[in-house]
Amino acid sequence: MVVIDVTAADEATATLAAAELGRLWRSSGPSAPWHTPGRPGVSVRAYLDLRHRPVAVTDEVHPLPASRRRDRAHGK
């Protein structure tokens, strides 16, 4: 299991990048986005399980449902 944090200029790009990594390995999907004061961009986090073979490219990637996301205070 690995944790990735993706930071991009905007929420849509950060979420898409984390979701695309979810196409390669089993993933929690992108977290709720957050902004760290004093740092540019928006970040999302995903948990990837590298022990399982890649999923088929045609499989849909679904982010973690909002009800299962936790707000996080980062950079403090």
PDB file of N, CA and C in Angstrom:
ATOM      1  N   MET A   1       0.846  -1.164   0.000  1.00  0.00           N
ATOM      2  CA  MET A   1       0.000   0.000   0.000  1.00  0.00           C
ATOM      3  C   MET A   1       0.891   1.226   0.000  1.00  0.00           C
ATOM      4  N   VAL A   2       0.592   2.167  -0.870  1.00  0.00           N
ATOM      5  CA  VAL A   2       1.315   3.437  -0.911  1.00  0.00           C
ATOM      6  C   VAL A   2       0.313   4.584  -0.859  1.00  0.00           C
ATOM      7  N   VAL A   3       0.787   5.719  -0.401  1.00  0.00           N
ATOM      8  CA  VAL A   3      -0.020   6.938  -0.349  1.00  0.00           C
ATOM      9  C   VAL A   3       0.617   7.934  -1.302  1.00  0.00           C
ATOM     10  N   ILE A   4      -0.205   8.526  -2.155  1.00  0.00           N
ATOM     11  CA  ILE A   4       0.303   9.569  -3.048  1.00  0.00           C
ATOM     12  C   ILE A   4      -0.466  10.856  -2.787  1.00  0.00           C
ATOM     13  N   ASP A   5       0.242  11.954  -2.792  1.00  0.00           N
ATOM     14  CA  ASP A   5      -0.368  13.273  -2.754  1.00  0.00           C
ATOM     15  C   ASP A   5      -0.061  13.922  -4.094  1.00  0.00           C
ATOM     16  N   VAL A   6      -1.097  14.384  -4.767  1.00  0.00           N
ATOM     17  CA  VAL A   6      -0.941  15.032  -6.068  1.00  0.00           C
ATOM     18  C   VAL A   6      -1.291  16.502  -5.886  1.00  0.00           C
ATOM     19  N   THR A   7      -0.397  17.387  -6.308  1.00  0.00           N
ATOM     20  CA  THR A   7      -0.657  18.824  -6.260  1.00  0.00           C
ATOM     21  C   THR A   7      -0.639  19.357  -7.681  1.00  0.00           C
ATOM     22  N   ALA A   8      -1.661  20.121  -8.016  1.00  0.00           N
ATOM     23  CA  ALA A   8      -1.787  20.702  -9.359  1.00  0.00           C
ATOM     24  C   ALA A   8      -2.329  22.121  -9.233  1.00  0.00           C
ATOM     25  N   ALA A   9      -2.362  22.818 -10.340  1.00  0.00           N
ATOM     26  CA  ALA A   9      -2.815  24.205 -10.347  1.00  0.00           C
ATOM     27  C   ALA A   9      -4.288  24.346  -9.970  1.00  0.00           C
ATOM     28  N   ASP A  10      -5.094  23.318 -10.262  1.00  0.00           N
ATOM     29  CA  ASP A  10      -6.525  23.412  -9.970  1.00  0.00           C
ATOM     30  C   ASP A  10      -7.060  22.051  -9.527  1.00  0.00           C
ATOM     31  N   GLU A  11      -8.246  22.085  -8.928  1.00  0.00           N
ATOM     32  CA  GLU A  11      -8.871  20.883  -8.377  1.00  0.00           C
ATOM     33  C   GLU A  11      -9.131  19.819  -9.436  1.00  0.00           C
ATOM     34  N   ALA A  12      -9.613  20.214 -10.592  1.00  0.00           N
ATOM     35  CA  ALA A  12      -9.942  19.246 -11.638  1.00  0.00           C
ATOM     36  C   ALA A  12      -8.705  18.478 -12.101  1.00  0.00           C
ATOM     37  N   THR A  13      -7.586  19.173 -12.266  1.00  0.00           N
ATOM     38  CA  THR A  13      -6.359  18.513 -12.719  1.00  0.00           C
ATOM     39  C   THR A  13      -5.809  17.570 -11.658  1.00  0.00           C
ATOM     40  N   ALA A  14      -5.790  18.006 -10.400  1.00  0.00           N
ATOM     41  CA  ALA A  14      -5.289  17.151  -9.312  1.00  0.00           C
ATOM     42  C   ALA A  14      -6.144  15.901  -9.174  1.00  0.00           C
ATOM     43  N   THR A  15      -7.466  16.056  -9.232  1.00  0.00           N
ATOM     44  CA  THR A  15      -8.380  14.916  -9.098  1.00  0.00           C
ATOM     45  C   THR A  15      -8.221  13.960 -10.273  1.00  0.00           C
ATOM     46  N   LEU A  16      -8.113  14.485 -11.479  1.00  0.00           N
ATOM     47  CA  LEU A  16      -7.947  13.640 -12.659  1.00  0.00           C
ATOM     48  C   LEU A  16      -6.641  12.855 -12.592  1.00  0.00           C
ATOM     49  N   ALA A  17      -5.560  13.500 -12.171  1.00  0.00           N
ATOM     50  CA  ALA A  17      -4.264  12.817 -12.091  1.00  0.00           C
ATOM     51  C   ALA A  17      -4.329  11.654 -11.099  1.00  0.00           C
ATOM     52  N   ALA A  18      -4.914  11.868  -9.926  1.00  0.00           N
ATOM     53  CA  ALA A  18      -5.030  10.792  -8.934  1.00  0.00           C
ATOM     54  C   ALA A  18      -5.956   9.687  -9.439  1.00  0.00           C
ATOM     55  N   ALA A  19      -7.027  10.055 -10.133  1.00  0.00           N
ATOM     56  CA  ALA A  19      -7.951   9.052 -10.676  1.00  0.00           C
ATOM     57  C   ALA A  19      -7.281   8.216 -11.763  1.00  0.00           C
ATOM     58  N   GLU A  20      -6.455   8.843 -12.583  1.00  0.00           N
ATOM     59  CA  GLU A  20      -5.758   8.104 -13.639  1.00  0.00           C
ATOM     60  C   GLU A  20      -4.783   7.083 -13.039  1.00  0.00           C
ATOM     61  N   LEU A  21      -4.124   7.425 -11.942  1.00  0.00           N
ATOM     62  CA  LEU A  21      -3.270   6.448 -11.270  1.00  0.00           C
ATOM     63  C   LEU A  21      -4.106   5.271 -10.762  1.00  0.00           C
ATOM     64  N   GLY A  22      -5.352   5.547 -10.414  1.00  0.00           N
ATOM     65  CA  GLY A  22      -6.267   4.489  -9.987  1.00  0.00           C
ATOM     66  C   GLY A  22      -6.602   3.515 -11.104  1.00  0.00           C
ATOM     67  N   ARG A  23      -6.346   3.893 -12.332  1.00  0.00           N
ATOM     68  CA  ARG A  23      -6.543   2.969 -13.452  1.00  0.00           C
ATOM     69  C   ARG A  23      -5.432   1.917 -13.502  1.00  0.00           C
ATOM     70  N   LEU A  24      -4.299   2.219 -12.879  1.00  0.00           N
ATOM     71  CA  LEU A  24      -3.158   1.299 -12.917  1.00  0.00           C
ATOM     72  C   LEU A  24      -3.164   0.298 -11.766  1.00  0.00           C
ATOM     73  N   TRP A  25      -3.639   0.725 -10.606  1.00  0.00           N
ATOM     74  CA  TRP A  25      -3.676  -0.139  -9.423  1.00  0.00           C
ATOM     75  C   TRP A  25      -4.985   0.083  -8.691  1.00  0.00           C
ATOM     76  N   ARG A  26      -5.323  -0.860  -7.818  1.00  0.00           N
ATOM     77  CA  ARG A  26      -6.503  -0.649  -6.981  1.00  0.00           C
ATOM     78  C   ARG A  26      -6.268   0.588  -6.135  1.00  0.00           C
ATOM     79  N   SER A  27      -7.307   1.404  -6.011  1.00  0.00           N
ATOM     80  CA  SER A  27      -7.138   2.710  -5.386  1.00  0.00           C
ATOM     81  C   SER A  27      -8.362   3.115  -4.589  1.00  0.00           C
ATOM     82  N   SER A  28      -8.125   3.955  -3.595  1.00  0.00           N
ATOM     83  CA  SER A  28      -9.232   4.551  -2.846  1.00  0.00           C
ATOM     84  C   SER A  28      -9.942   5.605  -3.673  1.00  0.00           C
ATOM     85  N   GLY A  29      -9.294   6.052  -4.735  1.00  0.00           N
ATOM     86  CA  GLY A  29      -9.803   7.181  -5.502  1.00  0.00           C
ATOM     87  C   GLY A  29      -9.345   8.469  -4.845  1.00  0.00           C
ATOM     88  N   PRO A  30      -9.486   9.585  -5.522  1.00  0.00           N
ATOM     89  CA  PRO A  30      -9.009  10.859  -4.982  1.00  0.00           C
ATOM     90  C   PRO A  30      -9.784  11.283  -3.741  1.00  0.00           C
ATOM     91  N   SER A  31      -9.073  11.886  -2.789  1.00  0.00           N
ATOM     92  CA  SER A  31      -9.709  12.432  -1.593  1.00  0.00           C
ATOM     93  C   SER A  31     -10.365  13.766  -1.924  1.00  0.00           C
ATOM     94  N   ALA A  32     -10.986  14.347  -0.927  1.00  0.00           N
ATOM     95  CA  ALA A  32     -11.465  15.721  -1.076  1.00  0.00           C
ATOM     96  C   ALA A  32     -10.240  16.616  -1.248  1.00  0.00           C
ATOM     97  N   PRO A  33     -10.304  17.606  -2.117  1.00  0.00           N
ATOM     98  CA  PRO A  33      -9.139  18.472  -2.338  1.00  0.00           C
ATOM     99  C   PRO A  33      -8.884  19.393  -1.145  1.00  0.00           C
ATOM    100  N   TRP A  34      -7.610  19.786  -0.986  1.00  0.00           N
ATOM    101  CA  TRP A  34      -7.271  20.756   0.045  1.00  0.00           C
ATOM    102  C   TRP A  34      -6.217  21.710  -0.483  1.00  0.00           C
ATOM    103  N   HIS A  35      -6.160  22.869   0.150  1.00  0.00           N
ATOM    104  CA  HIS A  35      -5.168  23.891  -0.183  1.00  0.00           C
ATOM    105  C   HIS A  35      -4.329  24.136   1.060  1.00  0.00           C
ATOM    106  N   THR A  36      -3.016  24.129   0.919  1.00  0.00           N
ATOM    107  CA  THR A  36      -2.110  24.422   2.023  1.00  0.00           C
ATOM    108  C   THR A  36      -1.749  25.897   1.963  1.00  0.00           C
ATOM    109  N   PRO A  37      -2.087  26.658   3.012  1.00  0.00           N
ATOM    110  CA  PRO A  37      -1.772  28.092   3.008  1.00  0.00           C
ATOM    111  C   PRO A  37      -0.290  28.339   2.735  1.00  0.00           C
ATOM    112  N   GLY A  38      -0.025  29.314   1.869  1.00  0.00           N
ATOM    113  CA  GLY A  38       1.342  29.672   1.530  1.00  0.00           C
ATOM    114  C   GLY A  38       1.949  28.850   0.408  1.00  0.00           C
ATOM    115  N   ARG A  39       1.238  27.838  -0.051  1.00  0.00           N
ATOM    116  CA  ARG A  39       1.740  27.009  -1.153  1.00  0.00           C
ATOM    117  C   ARG A  39       0.762  27.093  -2.314  1.00  0.00           C
ATOM    118  N   PRO A  40       1.267  27.187  -3.526  1.00  0.00           N
ATOM    119  CA  PRO A  40       0.367  27.273  -4.685  1.00  0.00           C
ATOM    120  C   PRO A  40      -0.300  25.931  -4.977  1.00  0.00           C
ATOM    121  N   GLY A  41      -1.460  25.978  -5.582  1.00  0.00           N
ATOM    122  CA  GLY A  41      -2.122  24.768  -6.060  1.00  0.00           C
ATOM    123  C   GLY A  41      -3.073  24.132  -5.072  1.00  0.00           C
ATOM    124  N   VAL A  42      -3.651  23.042  -5.535  1.00  0.00           N
ATOM    125  CA  VAL A  42      -4.622  22.247  -4.784  1.00  0.00           C
ATOM    126  C   VAL A  42      -4.107  20.819  -4.748  1.00  0.00           C
ATOM    127  N   SER A  43      -4.282  20.131  -3.622  1.00  0.00           N
ATOM    128  CA  SER A  43      -3.790  18.761  -3.489  1.00  0.00           C
ATOM    129  C   SER A  43      -4.928  17.781  -3.251  1.00  0.00           C
ATOM    130  N   VAL A  44      -4.711  16.546  -3.665  1.00  0.00           N
ATOM    131  CA  VAL A  44      -5.597  15.425  -3.346  1.00  0.00           C
ATOM    132  C   VAL A  44      -4.704  14.253  -2.952  1.00  0.00           C
ATOM    133  N   ARG A  45      -5.273  13.314  -2.229  1.00  0.00           N
ATOM    134  CA  ARG A  45      -4.525  12.136  -1.780  1.00  0.00           C
ATOM    135  C   ARG A  45      -5.260  10.885  -2.268  1.00  0.00           C
ATOM    136  N   ALA A  46      -4.491   9.856  -2.577  1.00  0.00           N
ATOM    137  CA  ALA A  46      -5.065   8.554  -2.931  1.00  0.00           C
ATOM    138  C   ALA A  46      -4.190   7.461  -2.327  1.00  0.00           C
ATOM    139  N   TYR A  47      -4.816   6.356  -1.997  1.00  0.00           N
ATOM    140  CA  TYR A  47      -4.119   5.185  -1.484  1.00  0.00           C
ATOM    141  C   TYR A  47      -4.146   4.129  -2.581  1.00  0.00           C
ATOM    142  N   LEU A  48      -2.978   3.604  -2.940  1.00  0.00           N
ATOM    143  CA  LEU A  48      -2.865   2.624  -4.018  1.00  0.00           C
ATOM    144  C   LEU A  48      -2.368   1.298  -3.462  1.00  0.00           C
ATOM    145  N   ASP A  49      -2.975   0.209  -3.909  1.00  0.00           N
ATOM    146  CA  ASP A  49      -2.548  -1.130  -3.512  1.00  0.00           C
ATOM    147  C   ASP A  49      -1.753  -1.731  -4.665  1.00  0.00           C
ATOM    148  N   LEU A  50      -0.436  -1.708  -4.536  1.00  0.00           N
ATOM    149  CA  LEU A  50       0.437  -2.168  -5.615  1.00  0.00           C
ATOM    150  C   LEU A  50       0.585  -3.688  -5.658  1.00  0.00           C
ATOM    151  N   ARG A  51      -0.013  -4.397  -4.704  1.00  0.00           N
ATOM    152  CA  ARG A  51       0.113  -5.856  -4.674  1.00  0.00           C
ATOM    153  C   ARG A  51      -0.768  -6.532  -5.714  1.00  0.00           C
ATOM    154  N   HIS A  52      -1.726  -5.820  -6.240  1.00  0.00           N
ATOM    155  CA  HIS A  52      -2.651  -6.405  -7.211  1.00  0.00           C
ATOM    156  C   HIS A  52      -2.305  -5.941  -8.608  1.00  0.00           C
ATOM    157  N   ARG A  53      -2.524  -6.808  -9.571  1.00  0.00           N
ATOM    158  CA  ARG A  53      -2.202  -6.465 -10.954  1.00  0.00           C
ATOM    159  C   ARG A  53      -3.039  -5.279 -11.424  1.00  0.00           C
ATOM    160  N   PRO A  54      -2.578  -4.585 -12.424  1.00  0.00           N
ATOM    161  CA  PRO A  54      -3.331  -3.434 -12.944  1.00  0.00           C
ATOM    162  C   PRO A  54      -4.732  -3.839 -13.399  1.00  0.00           C
ATOM    163  N   VAL A  55      -5.659  -2.916 -13.243  1.00  0.00           N
ATOM    164  CA  VAL A  55      -7.020  -3.149 -13.720  1.00  0.00           C
ATOM    165  C   VAL A  55      -7.066  -2.877 -15.210  1.00  0.00           C
ATOM    166  N   ALA A  56      -8.092  -3.364 -15.861  1.00  0.00           N
ATOM    167  CA  ALA A  56      -8.246  -3.137 -17.302  1.00  0.00           C
ATOM    168  C   ALA A  56      -8.437  -1.648 -17.565  1.00  0.00           C
ATOM    169  N   VAL A  57      -7.876  -1.171 -18.649  1.00  0.00           N
ATOM    170  CA  VAL A  57      -7.956   0.245 -18.998  1.00  0.00           C
ATOM    171  C   VAL A  57      -9.395   0.690 -19.201  1.00  0.00           C
ATOM    172  N   THR A  58     -10.279  -0.220 -19.562  1.00  0.00           N
ATOM    173  CA  THR A  58     -11.668   0.148 -19.822  1.00  0.00           C
ATOM    174  C   THR A  58     -12.493   0.275 -18.547  1.00  0.00           C
ATOM    175  N   ASP A  59     -11.955  -0.153 -17.392  1.00  0.00           N
ATOM    176  CA  ASP A  59     -12.699  -0.043 -16.137  1.00  0.00           C
ATOM    177  C   ASP A  59     -12.872   1.424 -15.760  1.00  0.00           C
ATOM    178  N   GLU A  60     -14.018   1.738 -15.182  1.00  0.00           N
ATOM    179  CA  GLU A  60     -14.281   3.093 -14.731  1.00  0.00           C
ATOM    180  C   GLU A  60     -13.562   3.354 -13.414  1.00  0.00           C
ATOM    181  N   VAL A  61     -13.104   4.582 -13.231  1.00  0.00           N
ATOM    182  CA  VAL A  61     -12.480   5.006 -11.978  1.00  0.00           C
ATOM    183  C   VAL A  61     -13.511   5.824 -11.224  1.00  0.00           C
ATOM    184  N   HIS A  62     -13.776   5.427  -9.979  1.00  0.00           N
ATOM    185  CA  HIS A  62     -14.751   6.137  -9.166  1.00  0.00           C
ATOM    186  C   HIS A  62     -14.074   6.685  -7.917  1.00  0.00           C
ATOM    187  N   PRO A  63     -14.137   8.011  -7.696  1.00  0.00           N
ATOM    188  CA  PRO A  63     -13.552   8.576  -6.488  1.00  0.00           C
ATOM    189  C   PRO A  63     -14.273   8.060  -5.245  1.00  0.00           C
ATOM    190  N   LEU A  64     -13.620   8.169  -4.102  1.00  0.00           N
ATOM    191  CA  LEU A  64     -14.207   7.790  -2.831  1.00  0.00           C
ATOM    192  C   LEU A  64     -15.463   8.618  -2.617  1.00  0.00           C
ATOM    193  N   PRO A  65     -16.608   7.995  -2.243  1.00  0.00           N
ATOM    194  CA  PRO A  65     -17.830   8.766  -2.022  1.00  0.00           C
ATOM    195  C   PRO A  65     -17.613   9.851  -0.974  1.00  0.00           C
ATOM    196  N   ALA A  66     -18.267  10.974  -1.146  1.00  0.00           N
ATOM    197  CA  ALA A  66     -18.110  12.099  -0.224  1.00  0.00           C
ATOM    198  C   ALA A  66     -18.398  11.693   1.216  1.00  0.00           C
ATOM    199  N   SER A  67     -19.330  10.776   1.425  1.00  0.00           N
ATOM    200  CA  SER A  67     -19.672  10.346   2.782  1.00  0.00           C
ATOM    201  C   SER A  67     -18.529   9.608   3.466  1.00  0.00           C
ATOM    202  N   ARG A  68     -17.566   9.089   2.698  1.00  0.00           N
ATOM    203  CA  ARG A  68     -16.437   8.353   3.270  1.00  0.00           C
ATOM    204  C   ARG A  68     -15.162   9.176   3.316  1.00  0.00           C
ATOM    205  N   ARG A  69     -15.212  10.407   2.779  1.00  0.00           N
ATOM    206  CA  ARG A  69     -14.032  11.276   2.785  1.00  0.00           C
ATOM    207  C   ARG A  69     -13.929  11.973   4.136  1.00  0.00           C
ATOM    208  N   ARG A  70     -12.708  12.212   4.559  1.00  0.00           N
ATOM    209  CA  ARG A  70     -12.466  12.973   5.783  1.00  0.00           C
ATOM    210  C   ARG A  70     -11.754  14.252   5.423  1.00  0.00           C
ATOM    211  N   ASP A  71     -12.219  15.357   5.998  1.00  0.00           N
ATOM    212  CA  ASP A  71     -11.505  16.618   5.809  1.00  0.00           C
ATOM    213  C   ASP A  71     -10.194  16.521   6.566  1.00  0.00           C
ATOM    214  N   ARG A  72      -9.144  17.022   5.968  1.00  0.00           N
ATOM    215  CA  ARG A  72      -7.818  16.967   6.584  1.00  0.00           C
ATOM    216  C   ARG A  72      -7.231  18.356   6.653  1.00  0.00           C
ATOM    217  N   ALA A  73      -6.559  18.648   7.738  1.00  0.00           N
ATOM    218  CA  ALA A  73      -5.815  19.902   7.850  1.00  0.00           C
ATOM    219  C   ALA A  73      -4.364  19.576   7.564  1.00  0.00           C
ATOM    220  N   HIS A  74      -3.869  19.995   6.414  1.00  0.00           N
ATOM    221  CA  HIS A  74      -2.497  19.706   6.007  1.00  0.00           C
ATOM    222  C   HIS A  74      -1.626  20.942   6.125  1.00  0.00           C
ATOM    223  N   GLY A  75      -0.368  20.702   6.332  1.00  0.00           N
ATOM    224  CA  GLY A  75       0.598  21.792   6.344  1.00  0.00           C
ATOM    225  C   GLY A  75       0.617  22.602   7.615  1.00  0.00           C
ATOM    226  N   LYS A  76       0.022  22.075   8.672  1.00  0.00           N
ATOM    227  CA  LYS A  76       0.027  22.812   9.940  1.00  0.00           C
ATOM    228  C   LYS A  76       0.833  22.085  10.963  1.00  0.00           C
TER     229      LYS A  76
END
